[in-house]
Amino acid sequence: MVTTHFRAVNFKADIKLKEFTTKRVEKLALFHKQIIEVFVFTKVENSSDGINKWAELKISIPGDDIIVKKISKSFEESIDAAAASAERILKRRKEKERIL
């Protein structure tokens, strides 16, 4: 189980968003077995176009931190996109470790 730290900046996050985030982040453990912890930061940016929900994932693995930032129309979309990017990065890291 991955330790997840959730922080909502300038707004109050509901329990559904926190549960969605925890479930999505736990899937990252399938791609890298040594994830120490994941910090998830969410915030609303001032923007007129509606694409203003920002999510950042900071994934701690031994010897490195992976940071992924995404912005979209909803927090779920941003978190999902950031987690998908993190999965690709974790897969590449795992492949490099296997080669070495």
PDB file of N, CA and C in Angstrom:
ATOM      1  N   MET A   1       0.837  -1.191   0.000  1.00  0.00           N
ATOM      2  CA  MET A   1       0.000   0.000   0.000  1.00  0.00           C
ATOM      3  C   MET A   1       0.879   1.251   0.000  1.00  0.00           C
ATOM      4  N   VAL A   2       0.538   2.190  -0.839  1.00  0.00           N
ATOM      5  CA  VAL A   2       1.300   3.420  -1.001  1.00  0.00           C
ATOM      6  C   VAL A   2       0.769   4.468  -0.024  1.00  0.00           C
ATOM      7  N   THR A   3       1.677   5.125   0.692  1.00  0.00           N
ATOM      8  CA  THR A   3       1.282   6.216   1.580  1.00  0.00           C
ATOM      9  C   THR A   3       1.001   7.445   0.724  1.00  0.00           C
ATOM     10  N   THR A   4      -0.218   7.973   0.838  1.00  0.00           N
ATOM     11  CA  THR A   4      -0.625   9.115   0.030  1.00  0.00           C
ATOM     12  C   THR A   4      -0.908  10.306   0.936  1.00  0.00           C
ATOM     13  N   HIS A   5      -0.318  11.429   0.591  1.00  0.00           N
ATOM     14  CA  HIS A   5      -0.564  12.689   1.304  1.00  0.00           C
ATOM     15  C   HIS A   5      -1.317  13.599   0.345  1.00  0.00           C
ATOM     16  N   PHE A   6      -2.496  14.063   0.744  1.00  0.00           N
ATOM     17  CA  PHE A   6      -3.340  14.883  -0.129  1.00  0.00           C
ATOM     18  C   PHE A   6      -3.434  16.290   0.426  1.00  0.00           C
ATOM     19  N   ARG A   7      -3.215  17.282  -0.419  1.00  0.00           N
ATOM     20  CA  ARG A   7      -3.340  18.671   0.022  1.00  0.00           C
ATOM     21  C   ARG A   7      -4.130  19.461  -1.020  1.00  0.00           C
ATOM     22  N   ALA A   8      -5.180  20.124  -0.561  1.00  0.00           N
ATOM     23  CA  ALA A   8      -5.979  21.000  -1.405  1.00  0.00           C
ATOM     24  C   ALA A   8      -5.598  22.435  -1.063  1.00  0.00           C
ATOM     25  N   VAL A   9      -5.160  23.192  -2.057  1.00  0.00           N
ATOM     26  CA  VAL A   9      -4.711  24.564  -1.846  1.00  0.00           C
ATOM     27  C   VAL A   9      -5.836  25.524  -2.247  1.00  0.00           C
ATOM     28  N   ASN A  10      -6.236  26.384  -1.336  1.00  0.00           N
ATOM     29  CA  ASN A  10      -7.253  27.420  -1.557  1.00  0.00           C
ATOM     30  C   ASN A  10      -8.664  26.890  -1.814  1.00  0.00           C
ATOM     31  N   PHE A  11      -8.950  25.660  -1.451  1.00  0.00           N
ATOM     32  CA  PHE A  11     -10.320  25.147  -1.521  1.00  0.00           C
ATOM     33  C   PHE A  11     -10.440  23.938  -0.594  1.00  0.00           C
ATOM     34  N   LYS A  12     -11.675  23.551  -0.288  1.00  0.00           N
ATOM     35  CA  LYS A  12     -11.947  22.396   0.575  1.00  0.00           C
ATOM     36  C   LYS A  12     -12.312  21.217  -0.313  1.00  0.00           C
ATOM     37  N   ALA A  13     -11.467  20.195  -0.293  1.00  0.00           N
ATOM     38  CA  ALA A  13     -11.700  19.008  -1.120  1.00  0.00           C
ATOM     39  C   ALA A  13     -12.720  18.095  -0.441  1.00  0.00           C
ATOM     40  N   ASP A  14     -13.632  17.551  -1.236  1.00  0.00           N
ATOM     41  CA  ASP A  14     -14.606  16.623  -0.665  1.00  0.00           C
ATOM     42  C   ASP A  14     -14.016  15.212  -0.573  1.00  0.00           C
ATOM     43  N   ILE A  15     -14.684  14.364   0.159  1.00  0.00           N
ATOM     44  CA  ILE A  15     -14.199  13.011   0.422  1.00  0.00           C
ATOM     45  C   ILE A  15     -14.119  12.188  -0.862  1.00  0.00           C
ATOM     46  N   LYS A  16     -15.027  12.435  -1.820  1.00  0.00           N
ATOM     47  CA  LYS A  16     -15.011  11.689  -3.089  1.00  0.00           C
ATOM     48  C   LYS A  16     -13.699  11.928  -3.838  1.00  0.00           C
ATOM     49  N   LEU A  17     -13.245  13.168  -3.856  1.00  0.00           N
ATOM     50  CA  LEU A  17     -12.001  13.497  -4.551  1.00  0.00           C
ATOM     51  C   LEU A  17     -10.815  12.816  -3.864  1.00  0.00           C
ATOM     52  N   LYS A  18     -10.806  12.817  -2.555  1.00  0.00           N
ATOM     53  CA  LYS A  18      -9.718  12.173  -1.813  1.00  0.00           C
ATOM     54  C   LYS A  18      -9.712  10.664  -2.050  1.00  0.00           C
ATOM     55  N   GLU A  19     -10.900  10.044  -2.065  1.00  0.00           N
ATOM     56  CA  GLU A  19     -10.987   8.604  -2.318  1.00  0.00           C
ATOM     57  C   GLU A  19     -10.543   8.264  -3.742  1.00  0.00           C
ATOM     58  N   PHE A  20     -10.993   9.079  -4.714  1.00  0.00           N
ATOM     59  CA  PHE A  20     -10.591   8.875  -6.107  1.00  0.00           C
ATOM     60  C   PHE A  20      -9.067   8.945  -6.220  1.00  0.00           C
ATOM     61  N   THR A  21      -8.484   9.954  -5.573  1.00  0.00           N
ATOM     62  CA  THR A  21      -7.043  10.155  -5.624  1.00  0.00           C
ATOM     63  C   THR A  21      -6.304   8.962  -5.019  1.00  0.00           C
ATOM     64  N   THR A  22      -6.746   8.504  -3.874  1.00  0.00           N
ATOM     65  CA  THR A  22      -6.099   7.373  -3.210  1.00  0.00           C
ATOM     66  C   THR A  22      -6.147   6.123  -4.088  1.00  0.00           C
ATOM     67  N   LYS A  23      -7.310   5.830  -4.665  1.00  0.00           N
ATOM     68  CA  LYS A  23      -7.435   4.655  -5.535  1.00  0.00           C
ATOM     69  C   LYS A  23      -6.518   4.762  -6.747  1.00  0.00           C
ATOM     70  N   ARG A  24      -6.484   5.950  -7.358  1.00  0.00           N
ATOM     71  CA  ARG A  24      -5.684   6.140  -8.573  1.00  0.00           C
ATOM     72  C   ARG A  24      -4.193   6.036  -8.258  1.00  0.00           C
ATOM     73  N   VAL A  25      -3.778   6.595  -7.144  1.00  0.00           N
ATOM     74  CA  VAL A  25      -2.367   6.573  -6.756  1.00  0.00           C
ATOM     75  C   VAL A  25      -1.922   5.154  -6.395  1.00  0.00           C
ATOM     76  N   GLU A  26      -2.800   4.383  -5.774  1.00  0.00           N
ATOM     77  CA  GLU A  26      -2.436   3.012  -5.411  1.00  0.00           C
ATOM     78  C   GLU A  26      -2.137   2.156  -6.629  1.00  0.00           C
ATOM     79  N   LYS A  27      -2.727   2.482  -7.773  1.00  0.00           N
ATOM     80  CA  LYS A  27      -2.450   1.748  -9.015  1.00  0.00           C
ATOM     81  C   LYS A  27      -1.008   1.940  -9.476  1.00  0.00           C
ATOM     82  N   LEU A  28      -0.368   3.020  -9.047  1.00  0.00           N
ATOM     83  CA  LEU A  28       1.028   3.267  -9.435  1.00  0.00           C
ATOM     84  C   LEU A  28       1.956   2.179  -8.900  1.00  0.00           C
ATOM     85  N   ALA A  29       1.563   1.538  -7.805  1.00  0.00           N
ATOM     86  CA  ALA A  29       2.386   0.476  -7.209  1.00  0.00           C
ATOM     87  C   ALA A  29       2.539  -0.712  -8.158  1.00  0.00           C
ATOM     88  N   LEU A  30       1.651  -0.841  -9.128  1.00  0.00           N
ATOM     89  CA  LEU A  30       1.765  -1.913 -10.117  1.00  0.00           C
ATOM     90  C   LEU A  30       2.974  -1.700 -11.032  1.00  0.00           C
ATOM     91  N   PHE A  31       3.403  -0.448 -11.161  1.00  0.00           N
ATOM     92  CA  PHE A  31       4.468  -0.105 -12.097  1.00  0.00           C
ATOM     93  C   PHE A  31       5.833   0.042 -11.444  1.00  0.00           C
ATOM     94  N   HIS A  32       5.854   0.214 -10.132  1.00  0.00           N
ATOM     95  CA  HIS A  32       7.126   0.325  -9.409  1.00  0.00           C
ATOM     96  C   HIS A  32       6.874  -0.142  -7.984  1.00  0.00           C
ATOM     97  N   LYS A  33       7.596  -1.156  -7.552  1.00  0.00           N
ATOM     98  CA  LYS A  33       7.337  -1.773  -6.246  1.00  0.00           C
ATOM     99  C   LYS A  33       7.924  -0.994  -5.071  1.00  0.00           C
ATOM    100  N   GLN A  34       8.823  -0.046  -5.342  1.00  0.00           N
ATOM    101  CA  GLN A  34       9.515   0.634  -4.241  1.00  0.00           C
ATOM    102  C   GLN A  34       9.061   2.078  -4.042  1.00  0.00           C
ATOM    103  N   ILE A  35       7.806   2.373  -4.308  1.00  0.00           N
ATOM    104  CA  ILE A  35       7.300   3.725  -4.060  1.00  0.00           C
ATOM    105  C   ILE A  35       7.215   3.925  -2.549  1.00  0.00           C
ATOM    106  N   ILE A  36       7.875   4.964  -2.061  1.00  0.00           N
ATOM    107  CA  ILE A  36       7.901   5.239  -0.625  1.00  0.00           C
ATOM    108  C   ILE A  36       6.620   5.966  -0.217  1.00  0.00           C
ATOM    109  N   GLU A  37       6.343   7.080  -0.905  1.00  0.00           N
ATOM    110  CA  GLU A  37       5.129   7.845  -0.626  1.00  0.00           C
ATOM    111  C   GLU A  37       4.815   8.741  -1.817  1.00  0.00           C
ATOM    112  N   VAL A  38       3.567   9.205  -1.857  1.00  0.00           N
ATOM    113  CA  VAL A  38       3.127  10.088  -2.932  1.00  0.00           C
ATOM    114  C   VAL A  38       2.452  11.301  -2.311  1.00  0.00           C
ATOM    115  N   PHE A  39       2.880  12.473  -2.735  1.00  0.00           N
ATOM    116  CA  PHE A  39       2.251  13.718  -2.311  1.00  0.00           C
ATOM    117  C   PHE A  39       1.397  14.211  -3.473  1.00  0.00           C
ATOM    118  N   VAL A  40       0.132  14.527  -3.206  1.00  0.00           N
ATOM    119  CA  VAL A  40      -0.765  15.039  -4.239  1.00  0.00           C
ATOM    120  C   VAL A  40      -1.198  16.438  -3.827  1.00  0.00           C
ATOM    121  N   PHE A  41      -0.909  17.407  -4.694  1.00  0.00           N
ATOM    122  CA  PHE A  41      -1.303  18.790  -4.457  1.00  0.00           C
ATOM    123  C   PHE A  41      -2.339  19.167  -5.511  1.00  0.00           C
ATOM    124  N   THR A  42      -3.458  19.744  -5.083  1.00  0.00           N
ATOM    125  CA  THR A  42      -4.473  20.209  -6.021  1.00  0.00           C
ATOM    126  C   THR A  42      -4.764  21.670  -5.727  1.00  0.00           C
ATOM    127  N   LYS A  43      -5.028  22.427  -6.791  1.00  0.00           N
ATOM    128  CA  LYS A  43      -5.415  23.816  -6.576  1.00  0.00           C
ATOM    129  C   LYS A  43      -6.173  24.345  -7.776  1.00  0.00           C
ATOM    130  N   VAL A  44      -6.925  25.410  -7.543  1.00  0.00           N
ATOM    131  CA  VAL A  44      -7.684  26.074  -8.600  1.00  0.00           C
ATOM    132  C   VAL A  44      -6.918  27.325  -8.982  1.00  0.00           C
ATOM    133  N   GLU A  45      -6.658  27.467 -10.285  1.00  0.00           N
ATOM    134  CA  GLU A  45      -5.978  28.663 -10.758  1.00  0.00           C
ATOM    135  C   GLU A  45      -7.008  29.659 -11.278  1.00  0.00           C
ATOM    136  N   ASN A  46      -6.677  30.935 -11.216  1.00  0.00           N
ATOM    137  CA  ASN A  46      -7.547  31.955 -11.786  1.00  0.00           C
ATOM    138  C   ASN A  46      -7.388  31.928 -13.301  1.00  0.00           C
ATOM    139  N   SER A  47      -8.448  31.501 -13.983  1.00  0.00           N
ATOM    140  CA  SER A  47      -8.394  31.373 -15.427  1.00  0.00           C
ATOM    141  C   SER A  47      -9.795  31.563 -15.977  1.00  0.00           C
ATOM    142  N   SER A  48      -9.903  32.221 -17.113  1.00  0.00           N
ATOM    143  CA  SER A  48     -11.227  32.483 -17.685  1.00  0.00           C
ATOM    144  C   SER A  48     -11.695  31.376 -18.621  1.00  0.00           C
ATOM    145  N   ASP A  49     -10.801  30.474 -19.038  1.00  0.00           N
ATOM    146  CA  ASP A  49     -11.184  29.474 -20.027  1.00  0.00           C
ATOM    147  C   ASP A  49     -11.750  28.180 -19.424  1.00  0.00           C
ATOM    148  N   GLY A  50     -11.842  28.069 -18.102  1.00  0.00           N
ATOM    149  CA  GLY A  50     -12.435  26.887 -17.475  1.00  0.00           C
ATOM    150  C   GLY A  50     -11.456  25.750 -17.244  1.00  0.00           C
ATOM    151  N   ILE A  51     -10.299  25.798 -17.894  1.00  0.00           N
ATOM    152  CA  ILE A  51      -9.282  24.768 -17.672  1.00  0.00           C
ATOM    153  C   ILE A  51      -8.369  25.297 -16.576  1.00  0.00           C
ATOM    154  N   ASN A  52      -8.813  25.088 -15.326  1.00  0.00           N
ATOM    155  CA  ASN A  52      -8.104  25.720 -14.211  1.00  0.00           C
ATOM    156  C   ASN A  52      -7.909  24.803 -13.008  1.00  0.00           C
ATOM    157  N   LYS A  53      -8.162  23.507 -13.160  1.00  0.00           N
ATOM    158  CA  LYS A  53      -7.979  22.561 -12.056  1.00  0.00           C
ATOM    159  C   LYS A  53      -6.611  21.915 -12.208  1.00  0.00           C
ATOM    160  N   TRP A  54      -5.744  22.184 -11.256  1.00  0.00           N
ATOM    161  CA  TRP A  54      -4.336  21.836 -11.346  1.00  0.00           C
ATOM    162  C   TRP A  54      -4.020  20.717 -10.364  1.00  0.00           C
ATOM    163  N   ALA A  55      -3.259  19.723 -10.799  1.00  0.00           N
ATOM    164  CA  ALA A  55      -2.848  18.631  -9.911  1.00  0.00           C
ATOM    165  C   ALA A  55      -1.362  18.355 -10.095  1.00  0.00           C
ATOM    166  N   GLU A  56      -0.685  18.127  -8.992  1.00  0.00           N
ATOM    167  CA  GLU A  56       0.745  17.788  -9.024  1.00  0.00           C
ATOM    168  C   GLU A  56       0.952  16.534  -8.188  1.00  0.00           C
ATOM    169  N   LEU A  57       1.664  15.573  -8.754  1.00  0.00           N
ATOM    170  CA  LEU A  57       2.032  14.357  -8.029  1.00  0.00           C
ATOM    171  C   LEU A  57       3.533  14.364  -7.817  1.00  0.00           C
ATOM    172  N   LYS A  58       3.947  14.167  -6.583  1.00  0.00           N
ATOM    173  CA  LYS A  58       5.368  14.018  -6.260  1.00  0.00           C
ATOM    174  C   LYS A  58       5.534  12.607  -5.702  1.00  0.00           C
ATOM    175  N   ILE A  59       6.201  11.766  -6.487  1.00  0.00           N
ATOM    176  CA  ILE A  59       6.337  10.357  -6.136  1.00  0.00           C
ATOM    177  C   ILE A  59       7.758  10.107  -5.657  1.00  0.00           C
ATOM    178  N   SER A  60       7.889   9.644  -4.426  1.00  0.00           N
ATOM    179  CA  SER A  60       9.205   9.367  -3.850  1.00  0.00           C
ATOM    180  C   SER A  60       9.547   7.896  -4.048  1.00  0.00           C
ATOM    181  N   ILE A  61      10.649   7.669  -4.768  1.00  0.00           N
ATOM    182  CA  ILE A  61      11.185   6.312  -4.920  1.00  0.00           C
ATOM    183  C   ILE A  61      12.634   6.373  -4.462  1.00  0.00           C
ATOM    184  N   PRO A  62      13.229   5.242  -4.116  1.00  0.00           N
ATOM    185  CA  PRO A  62      14.615   5.282  -3.622  1.00  0.00           C
ATOM    186  C   PRO A  62      15.549   5.990  -4.599  1.00  0.00           C
ATOM    187  N   GLY A  63      16.231   7.018  -4.106  1.00  0.00           N
ATOM    188  CA  GLY A  63      17.224   7.722  -4.897  1.00  0.00           C
ATOM    189  C   GLY A  63      16.686   8.832  -5.782  1.00  0.00           C
ATOM    190  N   ASP A  64      15.368   9.047  -5.827  1.00  0.00           N
ATOM    191  CA  ASP A  64      14.839  10.053  -6.745  1.00  0.00           C
ATOM    192  C   ASP A  64      13.408  10.433  -6.371  1.00  0.00           C
ATOM    193  N   ASP A  65      12.964  11.557  -6.907  1.00  0.00           N
ATOM    194  CA  ASP A  65      11.567  11.988  -6.818  1.00  0.00           C
ATOM    195  C   ASP A  65      11.074  12.227  -8.232  1.00  0.00           C
ATOM    196  N   ILE A  66       9.870  11.796  -8.517  1.00  0.00           N
ATOM    197  CA  ILE A  66       9.247  12.052  -9.814  1.00  0.00           C
ATOM    198  C   ILE A  66       8.140  13.054  -9.571  1.00  0.00           C
ATOM    199  N   ILE A  67       8.162  14.143 -10.339  1.00  0.00           N
ATOM    200  CA  ILE A  67       7.147  15.179 -10.188  1.00  0.00           C
ATOM    201  C   ILE A  67       6.417  15.344 -11.517  1.00  0.00           C
ATOM    202  N   VAL A  68       5.095  15.259 -11.455  1.00  0.00           N
ATOM    203  CA  VAL A  68       4.266  15.395 -12.651  1.00  0.00           C
ATOM    204  C   VAL A  68       3.172  16.410 -12.355  1.00  0.00           C
ATOM    205  N   LYS A  69       2.988  17.381 -13.266  1.00  0.00           N
ATOM    206  CA  LYS A  69       1.947  18.395 -13.105  1.00  0.00           C
ATOM    207  C   LYS A  69       1.028  18.366 -14.317  1.00  0.00           C
ATOM    208  N   LYS A  70      -0.266  18.470 -14.060  1.00  0.00           N
ATOM    209  CA  LYS A  70      -1.264  18.507 -15.131  1.00  0.00           C
ATOM    210  C   LYS A  70      -2.356  19.488 -14.761  1.00  0.00           C
ATOM    211  N   ILE A  71      -2.979  20.079 -15.786  1.00  0.00           N
ATOM    212  CA  ILE A  71      -4.087  21.010 -15.574  1.00  0.00           C
ATOM    213  C   ILE A  71      -5.190  20.672 -16.568  1.00  0.00           C
ATOM    214  N   SER A  72      -6.445  20.692 -16.095  1.00  0.00           N
ATOM    215  CA  SER A  72      -7.578  20.394 -16.975  1.00  0.00           C
ATOM    216  C   SER A  72      -8.871  20.964 -16.380  1.00  0.00           C
ATOM    217  N   LYS A  73     -10.011  20.506 -16.906  1.00  0.00           N
ATOM    218  CA  LYS A  73     -11.312  21.039 -16.481  1.00  0.00           C
ATOM    219  C   LYS A  73     -11.772  20.521 -15.126  1.00  0.00           C
ATOM    220  N   SER A  74     -11.304  19.334 -14.728  1.00  0.00           N
ATOM    221  CA  SER A  74     -11.717  18.775 -13.435  1.00  0.00           C
ATOM    222  C   SER A  74     -10.498  18.208 -12.713  1.00  0.00           C
ATOM    223  N   PHE A  75     -10.604  18.113 -11.400  1.00  0.00           N
ATOM    224  CA  PHE A  75      -9.500  17.564 -10.621  1.00  0.00           C
ATOM    225  C   PHE A  75      -9.277  16.096 -10.959  1.00  0.00           C
ATOM    226  N   GLU A  76     -10.371  15.354 -11.138  1.00  0.00           N
ATOM    227  CA  GLU A  76     -10.240  13.938 -11.476  1.00  0.00           C
ATOM    228  C   GLU A  76      -9.458  13.762 -12.774  1.00  0.00           C
ATOM    229  N   GLU A  77      -9.797  14.580 -13.760  1.00  0.00           N
ATOM    230  CA  GLU A  77      -9.108  14.516 -15.050  1.00  0.00           C
ATOM    231  C   GLU A  77      -7.620  14.848 -14.893  1.00  0.00           C
ATOM    232  N   SER A  78      -7.320  15.871 -14.119  1.00  0.00           N
ATOM    233  CA  SER A  78      -5.928  16.279 -13.894  1.00  0.00           C
ATOM    234  C   SER A  78      -5.152  15.190 -13.152  1.00  0.00           C
ATOM    235  N   ILE A  79      -5.754  14.629 -12.114  1.00  0.00           N
ATOM    236  CA  ILE A  79      -5.091  13.581 -11.331  1.00  0.00           C
ATOM    237  C   ILE A  79      -4.868  12.345 -12.193  1.00  0.00           C
ATOM    238  N   ASP A  80      -5.879  11.980 -12.983  1.00  0.00           N
ATOM    239  CA  ASP A  80      -5.766  10.805 -13.848  1.00  0.00           C
ATOM    240  C   ASP A  80      -4.664  11.005 -14.889  1.00  0.00           C
ATOM    241  N   ALA A  81      -4.609  12.185 -15.497  1.00  0.00           N
ATOM    242  CA  ALA A  81      -3.576  12.467 -16.507  1.00  0.00           C
ATOM    243  C   ALA A  81      -2.182  12.467 -15.882  1.00  0.00           C
ATOM    244  N   ALA A  82      -2.056  13.044 -14.700  1.00  0.00           N
ATOM    245  CA  ALA A  82      -0.765  13.066 -14.010  1.00  0.00           C
ATOM    246  C   ALA A  82      -0.331  11.647 -13.637  1.00  0.00           C
ATOM    247  N   ALA A  83      -1.272  10.834 -13.169  1.00  0.00           N
ATOM    248  CA  ALA A  83      -0.955   9.455 -12.799  1.00  0.00           C
ATOM    249  C   ALA A  83      -0.559   8.646 -14.042  1.00  0.00           C
ATOM    250  N   ALA A  84      -1.229   8.880 -15.165  1.00  0.00           N
ATOM    251  CA  ALA A  84      -0.887   8.179 -16.408  1.00  0.00           C
ATOM    252  C   ALA A  84       0.533   8.543 -16.846  1.00  0.00           C
ATOM    253  N   SER A  85       0.883   9.816 -16.750  1.00  0.00           N
ATOM    254  CA  SER A  85       2.254  10.251 -17.069  1.00  0.00           C
ATOM    255  C   SER A  85       3.259   9.604 -16.126  1.00  0.00           C
ATOM    256  N   ALA A  86       2.910   9.579 -14.848  1.00  0.00           N
ATOM    257  CA  ALA A  86       3.798   8.976 -13.847  1.00  0.00           C
ATOM    258  C   ALA A  86       3.997   7.491 -14.137  1.00  0.00           C
ATOM    259  N   GLU A  87       2.947   6.811 -14.585  1.00  0.00           N
ATOM    260  CA  GLU A  87       3.074   5.386 -14.926  1.00  0.00           C
ATOM    261  C   GLU A  87       4.116   5.183 -16.020  1.00  0.00           C
ATOM    262  N   ARG A  88       4.059   6.021 -17.066  1.00  0.00           N
ATOM    263  CA  ARG A  88       5.036   5.909 -18.157  1.00  0.00           C
ATOM    264  C   ARG A  88       6.456   6.147 -17.653  1.00  0.00           C
ATOM    265  N   ILE A  89       6.616   7.141 -16.795  1.00  0.00           N
ATOM    266  CA  ILE A  89       7.946   7.448 -16.247  1.00  0.00           C
ATOM    267  C   ILE A  89       8.439   6.283 -15.382  1.00  0.00           C
ATOM    268  N   LEU A  90       7.560   5.748 -14.535  1.00  0.00           N
ATOM    269  CA  LEU A  90       7.941   4.629 -13.669  1.00  0.00           C
ATOM    270  C   LEU A  90       8.323   3.396 -14.488  1.00  0.00           C
ATOM    271  N   LYS A  91       7.596   3.145 -15.573  1.00  0.00           N
ATOM    272  CA  LYS A  91       7.934   2.011 -16.458  1.00  0.00           C
ATOM    273  C   LYS A  91       9.332   2.191 -17.046  1.00  0.00           C
ATOM    274  N   ARG A  92       9.627   3.415 -17.513  1.00  0.00           N
ATOM    275  CA  ARG A  92      10.963   3.692 -18.086  1.00  0.00           C
ATOM    276  C   ARG A  92      12.043   3.507 -17.040  1.00  0.00           C
ATOM    277  N   ARG A  93      11.824   3.990 -15.826  1.00  0.00           N
ATOM    278  CA  ARG A  93      12.809   3.851 -14.744  1.00  0.00           C
ATOM    279  C   ARG A  93      13.057   2.379 -14.442  1.00  0.00           C
ATOM    280  N   LYS A  94      11.972   1.612 -14.420  1.00  0.00           N
ATOM    281  CA  LYS A  94      12.081   0.188 -14.121  1.00  0.00           C
ATOM    282  C   LYS A  94      12.877  -0.524 -15.199  1.00  0.00           C
ATOM    283  N   GLU A  95      12.652  -0.155 -16.464  1.00  0.00           N
ATOM    284  CA  GLU A  95      13.401  -0.744 -17.577  1.00  0.00           C
ATOM    285  C   GLU A  95      14.892  -0.412 -17.465  1.00  0.00           C
ATOM    286  N   LYS A  96      15.206   0.831 -17.127  1.00  0.00           N
ATOM    287  CA  LYS A  96      16.615   1.232 -16.957  1.00  0.00           C
ATOM    288  C   LYS A  96      17.276   0.425 -15.849  1.00  0.00           C
ATOM    289  N   GLU A  97      16.557   0.235 -14.731  1.00  0.00           N
ATOM    290  CA  GLU A  97      17.098  -0.533 -13.608  1.00  0.00           C
ATOM    291  C   GLU A  97      17.372  -1.980 -14.024  1.00  0.00           C
ATOM    292  N   ARG A  98      16.481  -2.527 -14.863  1.00  0.00           N
ATOM    293  CA  ARG A  98      16.637  -3.887 -15.315  1.00  0.00           C
ATOM    294  C   ARG A  98      17.881  -4.038 -16.203  1.00  0.00           C
ATOM    295  N   ILE A  99      18.139  -3.023 -17.025  1.00  0.00           N
ATOM    296  CA  ILE A  99      19.302  -3.050 -17.926  1.00  0.00           C
ATOM    297  C   ILE A  99      20.605  -2.954 -17.154  1.00  0.00           C
ATOM    298  N   LEU A 100      20.610  -2.122 -16.110  1.00  0.00           N
ATOM    299  CA  LEU A 100      21.836  -1.916 -15.328  1.00  0.00           C
ATOM    300  C   LEU A 100      22.165  -3.052 -14.461  1.00  0.00           C
TER     301      LEU A 100
END
